[in-house]
Amino acid sequence: MTKSCAAWIAAAFLMPGVLPLSALAQVRNAGDYLRLMDANHDGKVQLSEYQDWLCYGFDRMDRDHDGVLTANEQPGGRGRTITREQYRAQLADQFRKLDRNHDGALDARELASPPR
């Protein structure tokens, strides 16, 4: 995982105001994240579910809703400009690294494991 990708994930999960407090209060382990990300409730997280969940933070930070995060929209007021499409592409790369069995979906164990 790149440092910038890791920073985005940390921002999406940990930045106050990005996720509803009720969602954070319910998260205790990877199974909880899986349950929250699993929009179709099939017990696995597909790429689109993974991207959609992690883009929530991006969308909240994108104050002018132009699909681009500039430095002043990012935590600490600094960072490289990134488009939503670029961010989704980074998430797709990370998803492929997490998908150890290459079945196109993440289970709780894969979701909890560090990307290689």
PDB file of N, CA and C in Angstrom:
ATOM      1  N   MET A   1       0.854  -1.163   0.000  1.00  0.00           N
ATOM      2  CA  MET A   1       0.000   0.000   0.000  1.00  0.00           C
ATOM      3  C   MET A   1       0.901   1.227   0.000  1.00  0.00           C
ATOM      4  N   THR A   2       0.559   2.222  -0.804  1.00  0.00           N
ATOM      5  CA  THR A   2       1.348   3.434  -0.827  1.00  0.00           C
ATOM      6  C   THR A   2       1.043   4.253   0.411  1.00  0.00           C
ATOM      7  N   LYS A   3       1.964   5.165   0.748  1.00  0.00           N
ATOM      8  CA  LYS A   3       1.731   6.012   1.907  1.00  0.00           C
ATOM      9  C   LYS A   3       0.496   6.874   1.716  1.00  0.00           C
ATOM     10  N   SER A   4       0.293   7.378   0.488  1.00  0.00           N
ATOM     11  CA  SER A   4      -0.870   8.225   0.257  1.00  0.00           C
ATOM     12  C   SER A   4      -2.161   7.429   0.394  1.00  0.00           C
ATOM     13  N   CYS A   5      -2.175   6.196  -0.082  1.00  0.00           N
ATOM     14  CA  CYS A   5      -3.367   5.361   0.039  1.00  0.00           C
ATOM     15  C   CYS A   5      -3.645   5.053   1.507  1.00  0.00           C
ATOM     16  N   ALA A   6      -2.617   4.741   2.242  1.00  0.00           N
ATOM     17  CA  ALA A   6      -2.788   4.464   3.669  1.00  0.00           C
ATOM     18  C   ALA A   6      -3.312   5.698   4.389  1.00  0.00           C
ATOM     19  N   ALA A   7      -2.834   6.854   3.994  1.00  0.00           N
ATOM     20  CA  ALA A   7      -3.297   8.094   4.620  1.00  0.00           C
ATOM     21  C   ALA A   7      -4.764   8.334   4.331  1.00  0.00           C
ATOM     22  N   TRP A   8      -5.196   8.029   3.109  1.00  0.00           N
ATOM     23  CA  TRP A   8      -6.608   8.205   2.764  1.00  0.00           C
ATOM     24  C   TRP A   8      -7.477   7.268   3.576  1.00  0.00           C
ATOM     25  N   ILE A   9      -7.046   6.045   3.736  1.00  0.00           N
ATOM     26  CA  ILE A   9      -7.842   5.091   4.510  1.00  0.00           C
ATOM     27  C   ILE A   9      -7.913   5.549   5.960  1.00  0.00           C
ATOM     28  N   ALA A  10      -6.786   5.984   6.491  1.00  0.00           N
ATOM     29  CA  ALA A  10      -6.796   6.483   7.866  1.00  0.00           C
ATOM     30  C   ALA A  10      -7.731   7.674   7.987  1.00  0.00           C
ATOM     31  N   ALA A  11      -7.692   8.563   7.014  1.00  0.00           N
ATOM     32  CA  ALA A  11      -8.577   9.731   7.056  1.00  0.00           C
ATOM     33  C   ALA A  11     -10.032   9.298   6.961  1.00  0.00           C
ATOM     34  N   ALA A  12     -10.320   8.345   6.103  1.00  0.00           N
ATOM     35  CA  ALA A  12     -11.703   7.907   5.922  1.00  0.00           C
ATOM     36  C   ALA A  12     -12.256   7.265   7.186  1.00  0.00           C
ATOM     37  N   PHE A  13     -11.421   6.509   7.887  1.00  0.00           N
ATOM     38  CA  PHE A  13     -11.899   5.805   9.074  1.00  0.00           C
ATOM     39  C   PHE A  13     -11.750   6.605  10.360  1.00  0.00           C
ATOM     40  N   LEU A  14     -10.765   7.462  10.434  1.00  0.00           N
ATOM     41  CA  LEU A  14     -10.448   8.075  11.712  1.00  0.00           C
ATOM     42  C   LEU A  14     -10.748   9.557  11.807  1.00  0.00           C
ATOM     43  N   MET A  15     -10.906  10.244  10.701  1.00  0.00           N
ATOM     44  CA  MET A  15     -11.113  11.683  10.747  1.00  0.00           C
ATOM     45  C   MET A  15     -12.496  11.997  11.304  1.00  0.00           C
ATOM     46  N   PRO A  16     -12.562  12.785  12.352  1.00  0.00           N
ATOM     47  CA  PRO A  16     -13.863  13.125  12.931  1.00  0.00           C
ATOM     48  C   PRO A  16     -14.761  13.784  11.890  1.00  0.00           C
ATOM     49  N   GLY A  17     -16.008  13.373  11.884  1.00  0.00           N
ATOM     50  CA  GLY A  17     -16.968  13.961  10.975  1.00  0.00           C
ATOM     51  C   GLY A  17     -17.050  13.293   9.622  1.00  0.00           C
ATOM     52  N   VAL A  18     -16.129  12.389   9.322  1.00  0.00           N
ATOM     53  CA  VAL A  18     -16.156  11.741   8.015  1.00  0.00           C
ATOM     54  C   VAL A  18     -17.122  10.576   8.023  1.00  0.00           C
ATOM     55  N   LEU A  19     -17.045   9.731   9.005  1.00  0.00           N
ATOM     56  CA  LEU A  19     -17.987   8.626   9.134  1.00  0.00           C
ATOM     57  C   LEU A  19     -18.989   8.960  10.226  1.00  0.00           C
ATOM     58  N   PRO A  20     -20.199   8.499  10.065  1.00  0.00           N
ATOM     59  CA  PRO A  20     -21.158   8.717  11.146  1.00  0.00           C
ATOM     60  C   PRO A  20     -20.643   8.093  12.437  1.00  0.00           C
ATOM     61  N   LEU A  21     -20.813   8.785  13.524  1.00  0.00           N
ATOM     62  CA  LEU A  21     -20.335   8.260  14.809  1.00  0.00           C
ATOM     63  C   LEU A  21     -20.962   6.917  15.127  1.00  0.00           C
ATOM     64  N   SER A  22     -22.201   6.718  14.716  1.00  0.00           N
ATOM     65  CA  SER A  22     -22.841   5.437  14.997  1.00  0.00           C
ATOM     66  C   SER A  22     -22.112   4.299  14.302  1.00  0.00           C
ATOM     67  N   ALA A  23     -21.583   4.540  13.097  1.00  0.00           N
ATOM     68  CA  ALA A  23     -20.834   3.499  12.380  1.00  0.00           C
ATOM     69  C   ALA A  23     -19.534   3.204  13.104  1.00  0.00           C
ATOM     70  N   LEU A  24     -18.821   4.241  13.546  1.00  0.00           N
ATOM     71  CA  LEU A  24     -17.555   4.022  14.241  1.00  0.00           C
ATOM     72  C   LEU A  24     -17.764   3.315  15.570  1.00  0.00           C
ATOM     73  N   ALA A  25     -18.841   3.630  16.255  1.00  0.00           N
ATOM     74  CA  ALA A  25     -19.102   3.021  17.551  1.00  0.00           C
ATOM     75  C   ALA A  25     -19.345   1.523  17.416  1.00  0.00           C
ATOM     76  N   GLN A  26     -19.803   1.089  16.246  1.00  0.00           N
ATOM     77  CA  GLN A  26     -20.132  -0.312  16.042  1.00  0.00           C
ATOM     78  C   GLN A  26     -18.945  -1.130  15.554  1.00  0.00           C
ATOM     79  N   VAL A  27     -17.842  -0.498  15.189  1.00  0.00           N
ATOM     80  CA  VAL A  27     -16.704  -1.196  14.595  1.00  0.00           C
ATOM     81  C   VAL A  27     -15.748  -1.658  15.680  1.00  0.00           C
ATOM     82  N   ARG A  28     -15.611  -2.987  15.782  1.00  0.00           N
ATOM     83  CA  ARG A  28     -14.694  -3.569  16.765  1.00  0.00           C
ATOM     84  C   ARG A  28     -13.668  -4.485  16.116  1.00  0.00           C
ATOM     85  N   ASN A  29     -13.977  -4.972  14.908  1.00  0.00           N
ATOM     86  CA  ASN A  29     -13.069  -5.906  14.244  1.00  0.00           C
ATOM     87  C   ASN A  29     -13.349  -5.905  12.739  1.00  0.00           C
ATOM     88  N   ALA A  30     -12.606  -6.717  12.002  1.00  0.00           N
ATOM     89  CA  ALA A  30     -12.757  -6.772  10.549  1.00  0.00           C
ATOM     90  C   ALA A  30     -14.152  -7.229  10.138  1.00  0.00           C
ATOM     91  N   GLY A  31     -14.752  -8.094  10.919  1.00  0.00           N
ATOM     92  CA  GLY A  31     -16.104  -8.531  10.613  1.00  0.00           C
ATOM     93  C   GLY A  31     -17.098  -7.388  10.639  1.00  0.00           C
ATOM     94  N   ASP A  32     -16.870  -6.437  11.548  1.00  0.00           N
ATOM     95  CA  ASP A  32     -17.733  -5.260  11.602  1.00  0.00           C
ATOM     96  C   ASP A  32     -17.557  -4.405  10.349  1.00  0.00           C
ATOM     97  N   TYR A  33     -16.309  -4.212   9.916  1.00  0.00           N
ATOM     98  CA  TYR A  33     -16.076  -3.463   8.677  1.00  0.00           C
ATOM     99  C   TYR A  33     -16.719  -4.177   7.497  1.00  0.00           C
ATOM    100  N   LEU A  34     -16.584  -5.483   7.458  1.00  0.00           N
ATOM    101  CA  LEU A  34     -17.188  -6.245   6.373  1.00  0.00           C
ATOM    102  C   LEU A  34     -18.695  -6.015   6.364  1.00  0.00           C
ATOM    103  N   ARG A  35     -19.319  -6.098   7.505  1.00  0.00           N
ATOM    104  CA  ARG A  35     -20.764  -5.906   7.601  1.00  0.00           C
ATOM    105  C   ARG A  35     -21.168  -4.514   7.122  1.00  0.00           C
ATOM    106  N   LEU A  36     -20.398  -3.509   7.478  1.00  0.00           N
ATOM    107  CA  LEU A  36     -20.717  -2.142   7.074  1.00  0.00           C
ATOM    108  C   LEU A  36     -20.489  -1.911   5.574  1.00  0.00           C
ATOM    109  N   MET A  37     -19.447  -2.520   5.016  1.00  0.00           N
ATOM    110  CA  MET A  37     -19.123  -2.329   3.600  1.00  0.00           C
ATOM    111  C   MET A  37     -19.996  -3.176   2.683  1.00  0.00           C
ATOM    112  N   ASP A  38     -20.499  -4.289   3.178  1.00  0.00           N
ATOM    113  CA  ASP A  38     -21.213  -5.281   2.371  1.00  0.00           C
ATOM    114  C   ASP A  38     -22.627  -4.807   2.042  1.00  0.00           C
ATOM    115  N   ALA A  39     -22.741  -3.966   1.030  1.00  0.00           N
ATOM    116  CA  ALA A  39     -24.022  -3.343   0.677  1.00  0.00           C
ATOM    117  C   ALA A  39     -25.078  -4.359   0.228  1.00  0.00           C
ATOM    118  N   ASN A  40     -24.660  -5.435  -0.433  1.00  0.00           N
ATOM    119  CA  ASN A  40     -25.643  -6.416  -0.910  1.00  0.00           C
ATOM    120  C   ASN A  40     -25.837  -7.582   0.074  1.00  0.00           C
ATOM    121  N   HIS A  41     -25.169  -7.519   1.212  1.00  0.00           N
ATOM    122  CA  HIS A  41     -25.349  -8.478   2.316  1.00  0.00           C
ATOM    123  C   HIS A  41     -25.103  -9.931   1.913  1.00  0.00           C
ATOM    124  N   ASP A  42     -24.070 -10.140   1.090  1.00  0.00           N
ATOM    125  CA  ASP A  42     -23.742 -11.513   0.695  1.00  0.00           C
ATOM    126  C   ASP A  42     -22.586 -12.099   1.500  1.00  0.00           C
ATOM    127  N   GLY A  43     -22.113 -11.357   2.508  1.00  0.00           N
ATOM    128  CA  GLY A  43     -21.040 -11.852   3.360  1.00  0.00           C
ATOM    129  C   GLY A  43     -19.645 -11.611   2.799  1.00  0.00           C
ATOM    130  N   LYS A  44     -19.548 -10.909   1.684  1.00  0.00           N
ATOM    131  CA  LYS A  44     -18.266 -10.579   1.061  1.00  0.00           C
ATOM    132  C   LYS A  44     -18.311  -9.130   0.608  1.00  0.00           C
ATOM    133  N   VAL A  45     -17.135  -8.563   0.421  1.00  0.00           N
ATOM    134  CA  VAL A  45     -17.042  -7.196  -0.074  1.00  0.00           C
ATOM    135  C   VAL A  45     -16.469  -7.230  -1.484  1.00  0.00           C
ATOM    136  N   GLN A  46     -17.288  -6.799  -2.452  1.00  0.00           N
ATOM    137  CA  GLN A  46     -16.830  -6.698  -3.832  1.00  0.00           C
ATOM    138  C   GLN A  46     -16.098  -5.374  -4.018  1.00  0.00           C
ATOM    139  N   LEU A  47     -15.380  -5.262  -5.126  1.00  0.00           N
ATOM    140  CA  LEU A  47     -14.594  -4.061  -5.410  1.00  0.00           C
ATOM    141  C   LEU A  47     -15.451  -2.802  -5.337  1.00  0.00           C
ATOM    142  N   SER A  48     -16.596  -2.793  -5.970  1.00  0.00           N
ATOM    143  CA  SER A  48     -17.417  -1.579  -5.976  1.00  0.00           C
ATOM    144  C   SER A  48     -17.869  -1.204  -4.563  1.00  0.00           C
ATOM    145  N   GLU A  49     -18.173  -2.198  -3.729  1.00  0.00           N
ATOM    146  CA  GLU A  49     -18.561  -1.918  -2.345  1.00  0.00           C
ATOM    147  C   GLU A  49     -17.385  -1.323  -1.575  1.00  0.00           C
ATOM    148  N   TYR A  50     -16.205  -1.877  -1.789  1.00  0.00           N
ATOM    149  CA  TYR A  50     -14.989  -1.401  -1.136  1.00  0.00           C
ATOM    150  C   TYR A  50     -14.726   0.049  -1.532  1.00  0.00           C
ATOM    151  N   GLN A  51     -14.780   0.318  -2.825  1.00  0.00           N
ATOM    152  CA  GLN A  51     -14.531   1.675  -3.313  1.00  0.00           C
ATOM    153  C   GLN A  51     -15.601   2.637  -2.813  1.00  0.00           C
ATOM    154  N   ASP A  52     -16.845   2.247  -2.896  1.00  0.00           N
ATOM    155  CA  ASP A  52     -17.921   3.137  -2.469  1.00  0.00           C
ATOM    156  C   ASP A  52     -17.792   3.492  -0.995  1.00  0.00           C
ATOM    157  N   TRP A  53     -17.488   2.504  -0.158  1.00  0.00           N
ATOM    158  CA  TRP A  53     -17.360   2.755   1.280  1.00  0.00           C
ATOM    159  C   TRP A  53     -16.193   3.697   1.565  1.00  0.00           C
ATOM    160  N   LEU A  54     -15.049   3.430   0.960  1.00  0.00           N
ATOM    161  CA  LEU A  54     -13.881   4.256   1.244  1.00  0.00           C
ATOM    162  C   LEU A  54     -13.937   5.615   0.551  1.00  0.00           C
ATOM    163  N   CYS A  55     -14.739   5.768  -0.474  1.00  0.00           N
ATOM    164  CA  CYS A  55     -14.909   7.073  -1.125  1.00  0.00           C
ATOM    165  C   CYS A  55     -15.809   7.997  -0.317  1.00  0.00           C
ATOM    166  N   TYR A  56     -16.494   7.467   0.666  1.00  0.00           N
ATOM    167  CA  TYR A  56     -17.344   8.305   1.508  1.00  0.00           C
ATOM    168  C   TYR A  56     -16.529   9.448   2.109  1.00  0.00           C
ATOM    169  N   GLY A  57     -15.363   9.144   2.625  1.00  0.00           N
ATOM    170  CA  GLY A  57     -14.491  10.168   3.207  1.00  0.00           C
ATOM    171  C   GLY A  57     -14.034  11.177   2.166  1.00  0.00           C
ATOM    172  N   PHE A  58     -13.688  10.689   0.983  1.00  0.00           N
ATOM    173  CA  PHE A  58     -13.285  11.570  -0.105  1.00  0.00           C
ATOM    174  C   PHE A  58     -14.412  12.551  -0.411  1.00  0.00           C
ATOM    175  N   ASP A  59     -15.601  12.019  -0.561  1.00  0.00           N
ATOM    176  CA  ASP A  59     -16.750  12.847  -0.920  1.00  0.00           C
ATOM    177  C   ASP A  59     -17.060  13.891   0.149  1.00  0.00           C
ATOM    178  N   ARG A  60     -16.908  13.523   1.405  1.00  0.00           N
ATOM    179  CA  ARG A  60     -17.153  14.478   2.494  1.00  0.00           C
ATOM    180  C   ARG A  60     -16.114  15.592   2.510  1.00  0.00           C
ATOM    181  N   MET A  61     -14.870  15.259   2.174  1.00  0.00           N
ATOM    182  CA  MET A  61     -13.828  16.283   2.156  1.00  0.00           C
ATOM    183  C   MET A  61     -13.913  17.180   0.928  1.00  0.00           C
ATOM    184  N   ASP A  62     -14.518  16.702  -0.136  1.00  0.00           N
ATOM    185  CA  ASP A  62     -14.630  17.451  -1.391  1.00  0.00           C
ATOM    186  C   ASP A  62     -15.711  18.528  -1.234  1.00  0.00           C
ATOM    187  N   ARG A  63     -15.345  19.606  -0.572  1.00  0.00           N
ATOM    188  CA  ARG A  63     -16.315  20.640  -0.191  1.00  0.00           C
ATOM    189  C   ARG A  63     -17.005  21.313  -1.379  1.00  0.00           C
ATOM    190  N   ASP A  64     -16.287  21.467  -2.483  1.00  0.00           N
ATOM    191  CA  ASP A  64     -16.916  22.122  -3.635  1.00  0.00           C
ATOM    192  C   ASP A  64     -17.544  21.117  -4.603  1.00  0.00           C
ATOM    193  N   HIS A  65     -17.494  19.836  -4.270  1.00  0.00           N
ATOM    194  CA  HIS A  65     -18.148  18.762  -5.027  1.00  0.00           C
ATOM    195  C   HIS A  65     -17.746  18.732  -6.502  1.00  0.00           C
ATOM    196  N   ASP A  66     -16.446  18.984  -6.752  1.00  0.00           N
ATOM    197  CA  ASP A  66     -15.970  18.951  -8.139  1.00  0.00           C
ATOM    198  C   ASP A  66     -15.258  17.646  -8.484  1.00  0.00           C
ATOM    199  N   GLY A  67     -15.225  16.689  -7.556  1.00  0.00           N
ATOM    200  CA  GLY A  67     -14.572  15.410  -7.815  1.00  0.00           C
ATOM    201  C   GLY A  67     -13.059  15.470  -7.714  1.00  0.00           C
ATOM    202  N   VAL A  68     -12.540  16.558  -7.159  1.00  0.00           N
ATOM    203  CA  VAL A  68     -11.096  16.743  -7.005  1.00  0.00           C
ATOM    204  C   VAL A  68     -10.832  17.251  -5.597  1.00  0.00           C
ATOM    205  N   LEU A  69      -9.881  16.597  -4.926  1.00  0.00           N
ATOM    206  CA  LEU A  69      -9.457  17.099  -3.622  1.00  0.00           C
ATOM    207  C   LEU A  69      -8.183  17.891  -3.811  1.00  0.00           C
ATOM    208  N   THR A  70      -8.252  19.150  -3.467  1.00  0.00           N
ATOM    209  CA  THR A  70      -7.070  19.991  -3.490  1.00  0.00           C
ATOM    210  C   THR A  70      -6.468  19.984  -2.093  1.00  0.00           C
ATOM    211  N   ALA A  71      -5.293  20.555  -1.965  1.00  0.00           N
ATOM    212  CA  ALA A  71      -4.608  20.549  -0.672  1.00  0.00           C
ATOM    213  C   ALA A  71      -5.466  21.163   0.424  1.00  0.00           C
ATOM    214  N   ASN A  72      -6.146  22.268   0.127  1.00  0.00           N
ATOM    215  CA  ASN A  72      -6.921  22.933   1.184  1.00  0.00           C
ATOM    216  C   ASN A  72      -8.147  22.136   1.622  1.00  0.00           C
ATOM    217  N   GLU A  73      -8.530  21.102   0.881  1.00  0.00           N
ATOM    218  CA  GLU A  73      -9.653  20.251   1.274  1.00  0.00           C
ATOM    219  C   GLU A  73      -9.199  19.016   2.055  1.00  0.00           C
ATOM    220  N   GLN A  74      -7.910  18.817   2.145  1.00  0.00           N
ATOM    221  CA  GLN A  74      -7.368  17.615   2.779  1.00  0.00           C
ATOM    222  C   GLN A  74      -6.967  17.897   4.222  1.00  0.00           C
ATOM    223  N   PRO A  75      -6.877  16.838   5.035  1.00  0.00           N
ATOM    224  CA  PRO A  75      -6.483  17.011   6.440  1.00  0.00           C
ATOM    225  C   PRO A  75      -5.165  17.775   6.550  1.00  0.00           C
ATOM    226  N   GLY A  76      -5.146  18.760   7.403  1.00  0.00           N
ATOM    227  CA  GLY A  76      -3.949  19.562   7.606  1.00  0.00           C
ATOM    228  C   GLY A  76      -3.731  20.602   6.524  1.00  0.00           C
ATOM    229  N   GLY A  77      -4.625  20.668   5.550  1.00  0.00           N
ATOM    230  CA  GLY A  77      -4.498  21.661   4.491  1.00  0.00           C
ATOM    231  C   GLY A  77      -3.344  21.418   3.542  1.00  0.00           C
ATOM    232  N   ARG A  78      -2.921  20.154   3.465  1.00  0.00           N
ATOM    233  CA  ARG A  78      -1.820  19.853   2.547  1.00  0.00           C
ATOM    234  C   ARG A  78      -2.018  18.467   1.956  1.00  0.00           C
ATOM    235  N   GLY A  79      -1.341  18.224   0.884  1.00  0.00           N
ATOM    236  CA  GLY A  79      -1.430  16.954   0.187  1.00  0.00           C
ATOM    237  C   GLY A  79      -1.499  17.211  -1.304  1.00  0.00           C
ATOM    238  N   ARG A  80      -1.233  16.174  -2.068  1.00  0.00           N
ATOM    239  CA  ARG A  80      -1.291  16.290  -3.526  1.00  0.00           C
ATOM    240  C   ARG A  80      -2.739  16.289  -3.989  1.00  0.00           C
ATOM    241  N   THR A  81      -3.010  17.058  -5.011  1.00  0.00           N
ATOM    242  CA  THR A  81      -4.334  17.057  -5.621  1.00  0.00           C
ATOM    243  C   THR A  81      -4.614  15.669  -6.183  1.00  0.00           C
ATOM    244  N   ILE A  82      -5.831  15.196  -5.957  1.00  0.00           N
ATOM    245  CA  ILE A  82      -6.212  13.867  -6.440  1.00  0.00           C
ATOM    246  C   ILE A  82      -7.676  13.908  -6.877  1.00  0.00           C
ATOM    247  N   THR A  83      -7.965  13.253  -7.988  1.00  0.00           N
ATOM    248  CA  THR A  83      -9.349  13.162  -8.450  1.00  0.00           C
ATOM    249  C   THR A  83     -10.010  11.941  -7.821  1.00  0.00           C
ATOM    250  N   ARG A  84     -11.315  11.942  -7.864  1.00  0.00           N
ATOM    251  CA  ARG A  84     -12.060  10.797  -7.339  1.00  0.00           C
ATOM    252  C   ARG A  84     -11.725   9.537  -8.141  1.00  0.00           C
ATOM    253  N   GLU A  85     -11.563   9.673  -9.437  1.00  0.00           N
ATOM    254  CA  GLU A  85     -11.213   8.527 -10.291  1.00  0.00           C
ATOM    255  C   GLU A  85      -9.832   7.975  -9.931  1.00  0.00           C
ATOM    256  N   GLN A  86      -8.881   8.870  -9.676  1.00  0.00           N
ATOM    257  CA  GLN A  86      -7.544   8.420  -9.266  1.00  0.00           C
ATOM    258  C   GLN A  86      -7.622   7.689  -7.934  1.00  0.00           C
ATOM    259  N   TYR A  87      -8.411   8.217  -7.026  1.00  0.00           N
ATOM    260  CA  TYR A  87      -8.562   7.580  -5.722  1.00  0.00           C
ATOM    261  C   TYR A  87      -9.198   6.204  -5.858  1.00  0.00           C
ATOM    262  N   ARG A  88     -10.247   6.090  -6.688  1.00  0.00           N
ATOM    263  CA  ARG A  88     -10.884   4.786  -6.911  1.00  0.00           C
ATOM    264  C   ARG A  88      -9.896   3.801  -7.536  1.00  0.00           C
ATOM    265  N   ALA A  89      -9.026   4.284  -8.416  1.00  0.00           N
ATOM    266  CA  ALA A  89      -8.006   3.413  -9.024  1.00  0.00           C
ATOM    267  C   ALA A  89      -7.021   2.926  -7.962  1.00  0.00           C
ATOM    268  N   GLN A  90      -6.623   3.798  -7.042  1.00  0.00           N
ATOM    269  CA  GLN A  90      -5.750   3.383  -5.938  1.00  0.00           C
ATOM    270  C   GLN A  90      -6.440   2.328  -5.087  1.00  0.00           C
ATOM    271  N   LEU A  91      -7.704   2.527  -4.824  1.00  0.00           N
ATOM    272  CA  LEU A  91      -8.459   1.557  -4.030  1.00  0.00           C
ATOM    273  C   LEU A  91      -8.563   0.219  -4.750  1.00  0.00           C
ATOM    274  N   ALA A  92      -8.713   0.242  -6.072  1.00  0.00           N
ATOM    275  CA  ALA A  92      -8.782  -1.002  -6.846  1.00  0.00           C
ATOM    276  C   ALA A  92      -7.468  -1.761  -6.740  1.00  0.00           C
ATOM    277  N   ASP A  93      -6.344  -1.052  -6.814  1.00  0.00           N
ATOM    278  CA  ASP A  93      -5.033  -1.696  -6.651  1.00  0.00           C
ATOM    279  C   ASP A  93      -4.906  -2.319  -5.268  1.00  0.00           C
ATOM    280  N   GLN A  94      -5.321  -1.583  -4.263  1.00  0.00           N
ATOM    281  CA  GLN A  94      -5.247  -2.104  -2.900  1.00  0.00           C
ATOM    282  C   GLN A  94      -6.159  -3.316  -2.739  1.00  0.00           C
ATOM    283  N   PHE A  95      -7.356  -3.258  -3.306  1.00  0.00           N
ATOM    284  CA  PHE A  95      -8.301  -4.368  -3.235  1.00  0.00           C
ATOM    285  C   PHE A  95      -7.680  -5.632  -3.818  1.00  0.00           C
ATOM    286  N   ARG A  96      -7.053  -5.513  -4.984  1.00  0.00           N
ATOM    287  CA  ARG A  96      -6.417  -6.683  -5.615  1.00  0.00           C
ATOM    288  C   ARG A  96      -5.325  -7.282  -4.729  1.00  0.00           C
ATOM    289  N   LYS A  97      -4.604  -6.436  -4.016  1.00  0.00           N
ATOM    290  CA  LYS A  97      -3.569  -6.939  -3.102  1.00  0.00           C
ATOM    291  C   LYS A  97      -4.185  -7.655  -1.900  1.00  0.00           C
ATOM    292  N   LEU A  98      -5.316  -7.173  -1.442  1.00  0.00           N
ATOM    293  CA  LEU A  98      -5.984  -7.804  -0.303  1.00  0.00           C
ATOM    294  C   LEU A  98      -6.668  -9.115  -0.687  1.00  0.00           C
ATOM    295  N   ASP A  99      -7.102  -9.227  -1.931  1.00  0.00           N
ATOM    296  CA  ASP A  99      -7.843 -10.397  -2.407  1.00  0.00           C
ATOM    297  C   ASP A  99      -6.874 -11.563  -2.637  1.00  0.00           C
ATOM    298  N   ARG A 100      -6.454 -12.179  -1.550  1.00  0.00           N
ATOM    299  CA  ARG A 100      -5.424 -13.223  -1.586  1.00  0.00           C
ATOM    300  C   ARG A 100      -5.821 -14.444  -2.424  1.00  0.00           C
ATOM    301  N   ASN A 101      -7.105 -14.791  -2.398  1.00  0.00           N
ATOM    302  CA  ASN A 101      -7.523 -15.989  -3.144  1.00  0.00           C
ATOM    303  C   ASN A 101      -8.031 -15.652  -4.549  1.00  0.00           C
ATOM    304  N   HIS A 102      -7.957 -14.389  -4.912  1.00  0.00           N
ATOM    305  CA  HIS A 102      -8.279 -13.914  -6.266  1.00  0.00           C
ATOM    306  C   HIS A 102      -9.687 -14.297  -6.719  1.00  0.00           C
ATOM    307  N   ASP A 103     -10.649 -14.239  -5.782  1.00  0.00           N
ATOM    308  CA  ASP A 103     -12.023 -14.552  -6.152  1.00  0.00           C
ATOM    309  C   ASP A 103     -12.861 -13.306  -6.444  1.00  0.00           C
ATOM    310  N   GLY A 104     -12.234 -12.135  -6.406  1.00  0.00           N
ATOM    311  CA  GLY A 104     -12.946 -10.903  -6.710  1.00  0.00           C
ATOM    312  C   GLY A 104     -13.767 -10.351  -5.564  1.00  0.00           C
ATOM    313  N   ALA A 105     -13.560 -10.890  -4.364  1.00  0.00           N
ATOM    314  CA  ALA A 105     -14.282 -10.421  -3.184  1.00  0.00           C
ATOM    315  C   ALA A 105     -13.386 -10.577  -1.957  1.00  0.00           C
ATOM    316  N   LEU A 106     -13.658  -9.772  -0.951  1.00  0.00           N
ATOM    317  CA  LEU A 106     -12.902  -9.853   0.295  1.00  0.00           C
ATOM    318  C   LEU A 106     -13.778 -10.438   1.392  1.00  0.00           C
ATOM    319  N   ASP A 107     -13.219 -11.414   2.106  1.00  0.00           N
ATOM    320  CA  ASP A 107     -13.886 -11.890   3.309  1.00  0.00           C
ATOM    321  C   ASP A 107     -13.266 -11.138   4.491  1.00  0.00           C
ATOM    322  N   ALA A 108     -13.741 -11.396   5.683  1.00  0.00           N
ATOM    323  CA  ALA A 108     -13.268 -10.663   6.864  1.00  0.00           C
ATOM    324  C   ALA A 108     -11.764 -10.844   7.067  1.00  0.00           C
ATOM    325  N   ARG A 109     -11.255 -12.050   6.835  1.00  0.00           N
ATOM    326  CA  ARG A 109      -9.822 -12.298   7.023  1.00  0.00           C
ATOM    327  C   ARG A 109      -8.981 -11.490   6.034  1.00  0.00           C
ATOM    328  N   GLU A 110      -9.400 -11.473   4.779  1.00  0.00           N
ATOM    329  CA  GLU A 110      -8.667 -10.699   3.770  1.00  0.00           C
ATOM    330  C   GLU A 110      -8.757  -9.204   4.064  1.00  0.00           C
ATOM    331  N   LEU A 111      -9.915  -8.758   4.502  1.00  0.00           N
ATOM    332  CA  LEU A 111     -10.113  -7.360   4.798  1.00  0.00           C
ATOM    333  C   LEU A 111      -9.207  -6.899   5.950  1.00  0.00           C
ATOM    334  N   ALA A 112      -8.955  -7.797   6.887  1.00  0.00           N
ATOM    335  CA  ALA A 112      -8.120  -7.461   8.056  1.00  0.00           C
ATOM    336  C   ALA A 112      -6.635  -7.598   7.784  1.00  0.00           C
ATOM    337  N   SER A 113      -6.251  -8.288   6.736  1.00  0.00           N
ATOM    338  CA  SER A 113      -4.831  -8.522   6.495  1.00  0.00           C
ATOM    339  C   SER A 113      -4.187  -7.305   5.820  1.00  0.00           C
ATOM    340  N   PRO A 114      -2.916  -7.062   6.135  1.00  0.00           N
ATOM    341  CA  PRO A 114      -2.233  -5.947   5.483  1.00  0.00           C
ATOM    342  C   PRO A 114      -2.001  -6.275   4.011  1.00  0.00           C
ATOM    343  N   PRO A 115      -2.107  -5.263   3.133  1.00  0.00           N
ATOM    344  CA  PRO A 115      -1.826  -5.527   1.710  1.00  0.00           C
ATOM    345  C   PRO A 115      -0.380  -5.925   1.537  1.00  0.00           C
ATOM    346  N   ARG A 116      -0.111  -6.759   0.545  1.00  0.00           N
ATOM    347  CA  ARG A 116       1.276  -7.145   0.290  1.00  0.00           C
ATOM    348  C   ARG A 116       1.845  -6.362  -0.844  1.00  0.00           C
TER     349      ARG A 116
END
